[in-house]
Amino acid sequence: MMRSARHQSGMTLIEVVISIVVIAIAVSSVLGVLSSTVGRSADAMVISQGVSIATAYIEEIALKDFTDPDGIDGEVGRINFDDVDDYDGLVDNGAFDQFGNPIASLGAYTVSVAVNSSTALPGVAGSDVLRVDVRVQFAPYLDYTLSSYRTRL
């Protein structure tokens, strides 16, 4: 009697190699997406901190007098600034509070302030309007400028 040949199932070598290649492509695609996501995960925090720094500087400047109250222009040191124009040209390497104390976790930011006369507000004389630009940088992720107007009125 002759035995019947059994049908054996399995994978050939070519099928195994093709499966490995397909899995390798899928895994490398997923790892590429994860790598990109991890690389950008801190961007939102950096932007949020930069906006907060710029807002804090703008608020500090907005609380100062429009004109120099003591008649001494160009006070030295941010703690001595008593009018908006004193902030023109200020550059802080790292974020500082209004008393000049560094904010520990924000030392990598650069803050610069420019104050200029402006005619951007209709019906208000240019000499009665100052534009305050606060630029916050955190290279290479952030270069953000927040602008505000301060009027004599």
Protein backbone atom coordinates (compact mmCIF):
# COMPACT_ATOMS: atom_id res chain seq x y z
CA MET A 1 0.00 0.00 0.00
CA MET A 2 1.13 3.35 -0.78
CA ARG A 3 0.94 6.05 1.73
CA SER A 4 -0.67 9.26 0.67
CA ALA A 5 1.56 12.29 0.71
CA ARG A 6 0.70 14.68 3.44
CA HIS A 7 0.32 18.32 2.55
CA GLN A 8 2.68 20.27 4.78
CA SER A 9 2.01 23.94 5.48
CA GLY A 10 4.59 26.53 6.38
CA MET A 11 6.42 29.53 5.04
CA THR A 12 9.05 29.54 2.43
CA LEU A 13 12.28 31.43 2.86
CA ILE A 14 11.11 34.14 0.42
CA GLU A 15 7.92 34.71 2.45
CA VAL A 16 9.94 35.04 5.67
CA VAL A 17 12.30 37.60 4.10
CA ILE A 18 9.39 39.64 2.69
CA SER A 19 7.66 39.60 6.10
CA ILE A 20 10.82 40.85 7.81
CA VAL A 21 11.20 43.67 5.28
CA VAL A 22 7.57 44.78 5.69
CA ILE A 23 7.82 44.73 9.49
CA ALA A 24 11.11 46.67 9.38
CA ILE A 25 9.55 49.38 7.19
CA ALA A 26 6.52 49.65 9.50
CA VAL A 27 8.67 49.84 12.65
CA SER A 28 10.99 52.47 11.18
CA SER A 29 7.98 54.59 10.14
CA VAL A 30 6.50 54.42 13.64
CA LEU A 31 9.86 55.25 15.23
CA GLY A 32 10.25 58.22 12.88
CA VAL A 33 6.87 59.63 13.94
CA LEU A 34 7.69 59.08 17.63
CA SER A 35 11.08 60.75 17.22
CA SER A 36 9.49 63.80 15.59
CA THR A 37 6.85 64.00 18.31
CA VAL A 38 9.39 63.77 21.11
CA GLY A 39 11.58 66.39 19.44
CA ARG A 40 8.70 68.87 19.29
CA SER A 41 7.11 68.12 22.66
CA ALA A 42 8.95 70.97 24.41
CA ASP A 43 8.01 73.57 21.78
CA ALA A 44 4.67 74.37 23.40
CA MET A 45 6.35 74.93 26.76
CA VAL A 46 9.05 77.18 25.25
CA ILE A 47 6.43 79.26 23.43
CA SER A 48 4.25 79.53 26.53
CA GLN A 49 7.19 80.64 28.67
CA GLY A 50 8.27 83.16 26.03
CA VAL A 51 4.80 84.68 25.84
CA SER A 52 4.63 84.85 29.64
CA ILE A 53 8.01 86.59 29.83
CA ALA A 54 7.03 89.15 27.18
CA THR A 55 3.69 89.78 28.92
CA ALA A 56 5.39 90.32 32.28
CA TYR A 57 7.81 92.87 30.80
CA ILE A 58 4.97 94.67 28.97
CA GLU A 59 2.91 94.86 32.17
CA GLU A 60 5.88 96.19 34.14
CA ILE A 61 6.56 98.89 31.53
CA ALA A 62 2.88 99.84 31.22
CA LEU A 63 2.74 100.62 34.94
CA LYS A 64 5.50 103.23 34.64
CA ASP A 65 4.86 106.94 34.02
CA PHE A 66 4.71 108.20 30.46
CA THR A 67 7.01 111.12 31.25
CA ASP A 68 10.00 111.17 33.56
CA PRO A 69 8.72 112.13 37.04
CA ASP A 70 12.08 113.12 38.52
CA GLY A 71 13.52 114.86 35.46
CA ILE A 72 16.52 112.53 35.33
CA ASP A 73 16.56 110.72 32.02
CA GLY A 74 18.35 107.42 31.51
CA GLU A 75 18.40 105.89 34.98
CA VAL A 76 20.83 103.01 35.37
CA GLY A 77 19.50 99.63 36.40
CA ARG A 78 16.03 98.34 35.80
CA ILE A 79 15.08 98.75 39.46
CA ASN A 80 15.58 102.53 39.01
CA PHE A 81 13.54 102.87 35.80
CA ASP A 82 10.68 105.28 36.52
CA ASP A 83 9.25 105.97 33.06
CA VAL A 84 8.50 104.04 29.88
CA ASP A 85 11.37 105.55 27.88
CA ASP A 86 13.98 104.26 30.36
CA TYR A 87 13.36 100.72 29.04
CA ASP A 88 14.44 101.60 25.50
CA GLY A 89 17.46 99.49 24.60
CA LEU A 90 17.16 97.13 27.58
CA VAL A 91 18.65 93.70 26.85
CA ASP A 92 18.45 90.93 29.45
CA ASN A 93 20.32 87.68 28.87
CA GLY A 94 17.93 85.51 30.81
CA ALA A 95 14.59 86.58 32.22
CA PHE A 96 14.70 88.80 35.31
CA ASP A 97 12.02 90.11 37.63
CA GLN A 98 11.50 93.86 38.05
CA PHE A 99 14.06 93.98 40.87
CA GLY A 100 16.82 92.47 38.72
CA ASN A 101 16.67 88.99 40.22
CA PRO A 102 17.17 86.21 37.66
CA ILE A 103 14.39 83.71 37.22
CA ALA A 104 16.30 80.46 37.58
CA SER A 105 14.65 78.23 35.01
CA LEU A 106 14.47 80.96 32.33
CA GLY A 107 18.16 81.77 31.93
CA ALA A 108 18.35 80.64 28.30
CA TYR A 109 15.96 83.34 27.07
CA THR A 110 17.08 86.73 25.74
CA VAL A 111 14.75 89.69 26.26
CA SER A 112 15.15 93.01 24.46
CA VAL A 113 12.97 96.10 24.64
CA ALA A 114 12.52 98.92 22.13
CA VAL A 115 10.46 102.06 22.84
CA ASN A 116 9.61 104.41 19.96
CA SER A 117 7.22 107.27 19.26
CA SER A 118 4.26 106.14 17.22
CA THR A 119 1.46 107.63 15.17
CA ALA A 120 -0.46 104.37 14.98
CA LEU A 121 -3.44 105.49 17.04
CA PRO A 122 -5.90 107.67 15.14
CA GLY A 123 -6.73 110.98 16.76
CA VAL A 124 -3.74 110.93 19.11
CA ALA A 125 -0.64 113.04 18.42
CA GLY A 126 2.55 111.06 17.80
CA SER A 127 4.26 112.70 20.74
CA ASP A 128 1.54 111.30 23.00
CA VAL A 129 2.00 107.65 21.96
CA LEU A 130 4.88 105.27 22.61
CA ARG A 131 5.11 101.83 21.05
CA VAL A 132 6.80 99.26 23.27
CA ASP A 133 8.19 96.14 21.60
CA VAL A 134 9.40 93.29 23.80
CA ARG A 135 11.30 90.63 21.88
CA VAL A 136 11.91 87.25 23.52
CA GLN A 137 14.30 84.76 21.95
CA PHE A 138 15.16 81.18 22.77
CA ALA A 139 17.40 80.01 19.93
CA PRO A 140 16.60 78.18 17.73
CA TYR A 141 13.02 77.55 18.82
CA LEU A 142 11.52 80.95 19.57
CA ASP A 143 11.73 84.51 18.31
CA TYR A 144 8.63 86.27 19.57
CA THR A 145 7.79 89.98 19.69
CA LEU A 146 4.93 91.41 21.75
CA SER A 147 3.98 95.03 21.11
CA SER A 148 1.96 97.44 23.17
CA TYR A 149 1.11 101.13 23.08
CA ARG A 150 1.40 103.53 26.00
CA THR A 151 -0.29 106.91 25.77
CA ARG A 152 0.12 110.11 27.70
CA LEU A 153 -3.67 110.35 28.04
